[in-house]
Protein backbone atom coordinates (compact mmCIF):
# COMPACT_ATOMS: atom_id res chain seq x y z
CA MET A 1 27.58 3.50 2.30
CA LYS A 2 26.60 3.25 -1.33
CA LEU A 3 24.47 5.94 -3.11
CA LEU A 4 22.98 6.22 -6.57
CA VAL A 5 22.18 9.69 -7.90
CA VAL A 6 19.71 9.84 -10.75
CA GLU A 7 19.81 13.40 -12.07
CA ASP A 8 19.74 14.60 -15.68
CA GLU A 9 21.41 17.97 -15.04
CA ALA A 10 25.11 17.14 -15.45
CA SER A 11 26.47 19.90 -13.21
CA LEU A 12 24.13 19.10 -10.31
CA LEU A 13 24.89 15.37 -10.64
CA GLN A 14 28.62 16.05 -10.52
CA SER A 15 28.26 18.39 -7.52
CA ILE A 16 26.18 15.77 -5.56
CA LYS A 17 28.64 13.01 -6.38
CA GLU A 18 31.68 15.05 -5.40
CA TYR A 19 30.09 16.22 -2.16
CA PHE A 20 29.14 12.69 -1.07
CA GLU A 21 32.49 11.22 -2.12
CA GLN A 22 34.16 13.75 0.16
CA GLU A 23 31.83 12.44 2.91
CA ASP A 24 33.31 8.95 2.20
CA PHE A 25 30.29 7.52 0.39
CA LEU A 26 30.63 5.32 -2.65
CA CYS A 27 28.57 7.39 -5.07
CA GLU A 28 27.39 6.45 -8.60
CA GLY A 29 25.50 8.64 -10.93
CA VAL A 30 23.28 8.34 -14.02
CA GLN A 31 21.40 10.85 -16.09
CA THR A 32 18.69 8.78 -17.74
CA TYR A 33 15.77 6.54 -16.88
CA ALA A 34 17.26 3.67 -18.88
CA ALA A 35 20.63 3.86 -17.11
CA ALA A 36 18.86 4.05 -13.73
CA ILE A 37 16.85 0.88 -14.46
CA THR A 38 20.05 -0.96 -15.34
CA LYS A 39 21.74 0.19 -12.09
CA MET A 40 18.70 -0.68 -9.94
CA GLU A 41 18.47 -4.17 -11.52
CA ASP A 42 22.19 -4.91 -11.08
CA PHE A 43 22.96 -3.30 -7.66
CA THR A 44 21.54 -2.54 -4.25
CA TYR A 45 21.98 0.89 -2.77
CA ASP A 46 21.72 2.25 0.76
CA CYS A 47 20.06 5.36 -0.72
CA ILE A 48 18.96 6.50 -4.21
CA ILE A 49 18.77 10.25 -4.75
CA LEU A 50 16.13 10.50 -7.46
CA ASP A 51 15.12 13.35 -9.75
CA ILE A 52 11.64 12.77 -11.10
CA ASN A 53 12.00 14.79 -14.32
CA LEU A 54 14.22 12.67 -16.57
CA PRO A 55 14.55 13.10 -20.36
CA ASP A 56 13.52 9.55 -21.24
CA GLY A 57 11.08 8.72 -18.48
CA SER A 58 9.61 9.56 -15.06
CA GLY A 59 11.48 9.21 -11.80
CA LEU A 60 8.13 8.29 -10.26
CA LYS A 61 7.95 5.37 -12.62
CA LEU A 62 11.42 4.30 -11.49
CA LEU A 63 10.13 4.50 -7.90
CA ARG A 64 7.20 2.35 -8.75
CA TYR A 65 9.50 -0.21 -10.43
CA LEU A 66 11.81 -0.24 -7.40
CA ARG A 67 8.99 -0.87 -4.94
CA ALA A 68 7.29 -3.41 -7.21
CA SER A 69 10.61 -5.33 -7.33
CA LYS A 70 10.48 -5.48 -3.50
CA LYS A 71 13.82 -3.64 -3.26
CA GLU A 72 14.43 -1.85 0.03
CA ASP A 73 16.82 0.84 -1.23
CA GLY A 74 16.17 4.14 0.58
CA VAL A 75 14.89 6.89 -1.77
CA ILE A 76 15.08 10.66 -1.53
CA ILE A 77 13.32 12.55 -4.27
CA ILE A 78 14.94 15.75 -5.46
CA SER A 79 12.68 17.82 -7.68
CA ALA A 80 11.74 21.32 -8.88
CA ARG A 81 8.10 20.24 -8.58
CA ASP A 82 7.01 21.91 -5.36
CA SER A 83 3.30 21.32 -5.22
CA ILE A 84 1.88 19.43 -2.22
CA GLU A 85 0.28 16.96 -4.66
CA ASP A 86 3.66 16.06 -6.16
CA LYS A 87 5.18 15.57 -2.70
CA ILE A 88 2.30 13.40 -1.54
CA GLU A 89 2.42 11.29 -4.64
CA GLY A 90 6.18 10.69 -4.31
CA LEU A 91 5.94 9.80 -0.65
CA ASN A 92 2.88 7.54 -1.19
CA LEU A 93 4.76 5.69 -3.91
CA GLY A 94 7.44 4.79 -1.37
CA ALA A 95 9.98 7.62 -1.23
CA ASP A 96 11.46 8.15 2.16
CA ASP A 97 11.89 11.90 1.70
CA TYR A 98 11.26 14.69 -0.78
CA ILE A 99 13.44 17.77 -1.17
CA ILE A 100 12.74 20.80 -3.40
CA LYS A 101 15.39 22.21 -5.75
CA PRO A 102 17.33 24.31 -5.22
CA PHE A 103 18.70 22.94 -2.02
CA HIS A 104 21.92 22.98 0.00
CA LEU A 105 24.09 19.88 -0.30
CA SER A 106 24.57 19.96 3.48
CA GLU A 107 20.74 19.59 3.89
CA LEU A 108 20.69 16.71 1.40
CA ASN A 109 23.52 15.10 3.39
CA ALA A 110 21.62 15.45 6.64
CA ARG A 111 18.55 13.89 5.07
CA VAL A 112 20.56 11.00 3.68
CA LYS A 113 22.14 10.43 7.10
CA ALA A 114 18.70 10.57 8.77
CA LEU A 115 17.40 7.95 6.27
CA LEU A 116 20.39 5.71 7.00
CA ARG A 117 19.79 6.09 10.79
CA ARG A 118 16.21 4.96 10.36
CA LYS A 119 17.13 2.19 7.99
CA TYR A 120 20.12 0.75 9.83
CA GLY A 121 20.33 2.32 13.21
CA LYS A 122 16.66 2.06 14.18
CA GLY A 123 16.57 5.85 14.62
CA VAL A 124 19.84 6.16 16.57
CA ASN A 125 23.23 7.13 15.35
CA THR A 126 25.04 3.90 16.42
CA ILE A 127 25.01 0.25 15.66
CA GLU A 128 26.05 -2.00 18.50
CA ALA A 129 27.19 -5.62 18.46
CA GLY A 130 28.53 -6.80 21.83
CA ASN A 131 31.43 -4.48 22.76
CA LEU A 132 31.56 -3.11 19.22
CA VAL A 133 30.03 0.33 18.64
CA VAL A 134 29.79 1.96 15.17
CA ASP A 135 28.93 5.64 15.17
CA LEU A 136 27.18 6.39 11.88
CA LEU A 137 27.53 10.16 12.10
CA SER A 138 31.25 10.33 12.90
CA ARG A 139 31.99 7.12 10.91
CA SER A 140 33.98 5.88 13.92
CA VAL A 141 34.30 2.46 15.48
CA SER A 142 35.20 1.42 19.00
CA CYS A 143 35.47 -1.92 20.78
CA ALA A 144 35.36 -2.07 24.57
CA LYS A 145 35.53 1.76 24.46
CA GLN A 146 38.85 1.70 22.57
CA GLN A 147 38.83 3.56 19.24
CA ILE A 148 39.63 1.41 16.19
CA MET A 149 41.04 3.04 13.13
CA LEU A 150 39.58 1.65 9.88
CA THR A 151 40.01 2.47 6.26
CA LYS A 152 36.94 3.60 4.32
CA ASN A 153 36.53 0.15 2.78
CA GLU A 154 37.03 -1.58 6.15
CA TYR A 155 34.37 0.67 7.72
CA ASP A 156 31.91 0.14 4.81
CA LEU A 157 32.43 -3.62 5.01
CA LEU A 158 31.86 -3.62 8.77
CA VAL A 159 28.65 -1.62 8.48
CA PHE A 160 27.42 -3.85 5.60
CA MET A 161 28.11 -7.01 7.57
CA LEU A 162 26.41 -5.62 10.71
CA ASN A 163 23.38 -4.56 8.72
CA ASN A 164 23.13 -8.06 7.19
CA LYS A 165 23.81 -10.20 10.35
CA ASN A 166 22.29 -13.66 10.24
CA ARG A 167 22.21 -13.59 6.46
CA VAL A 168 24.43 -15.36 3.96
CA ILE A 169 26.13 -12.72 1.79
CA SER A 170 27.90 -13.61 -1.43
CA LYS A 171 31.41 -12.42 -2.19
CA ARG A 172 29.89 -10.65 -5.28
CA ALA A 173 27.34 -8.76 -3.11
CA ILE A 174 30.13 -7.60 -0.83
CA ALA A 175 32.33 -6.53 -3.72
CA GLU A 176 29.45 -4.62 -5.37
CA HIS A 177 28.64 -2.89 -2.13
CA ILE A 178 32.26 -1.79 -1.51
CA TYR A 179 33.43 -1.15 -5.12
CA GLY A 180 30.18 -0.47 -7.05
CA ASP A 181 30.76 -0.49 -10.84
CA GLN A 182 34.43 -1.43 -10.28
CA ALA A 183 33.50 -4.77 -8.60
CA ASP A 184 34.08 -6.66 -11.88
CA ASN A 185 37.69 -5.41 -11.85
CA ILE A 186 38.47 -6.88 -8.47
CA PRO A 187 40.21 -10.26 -8.51
């Protein structure tokens, strides 16, 4: 799964990236509004973790841009703004969730996984295709009840393909989903 973290506080950005990389997510991070726009224009993400207080623009404006562009990336707002009005505004603009700083990374992880379950698993923790079963929580795969061992990239590719069944997917889209910024370096 591919995440984008938009957070201007360098230490928090690094902590979130490291945590989700340990959870086997492909995680990219940016600290500015301008860099986030570039990423959102160039890539598709399973989930964007979005701070709304950025030094060069508003995260809410980024959310408006994302939804106006008809992009379906999941969005979880992380913010120190804790008023009910701020939460309602973020959710009404199209965020899937809103979490108040400070927060535990394990809670953010649970919220990301819940978003991915709703987005891809129709509220359940598994994706099924015939005898193939992918468990999104344990990141395991079985076929005819036999466990299949996959590398991180193989697993990510399988989930990406299952989530895009009956669609034509370009080689570039697959490379960007698996390798992110490094896709241009893949032969």
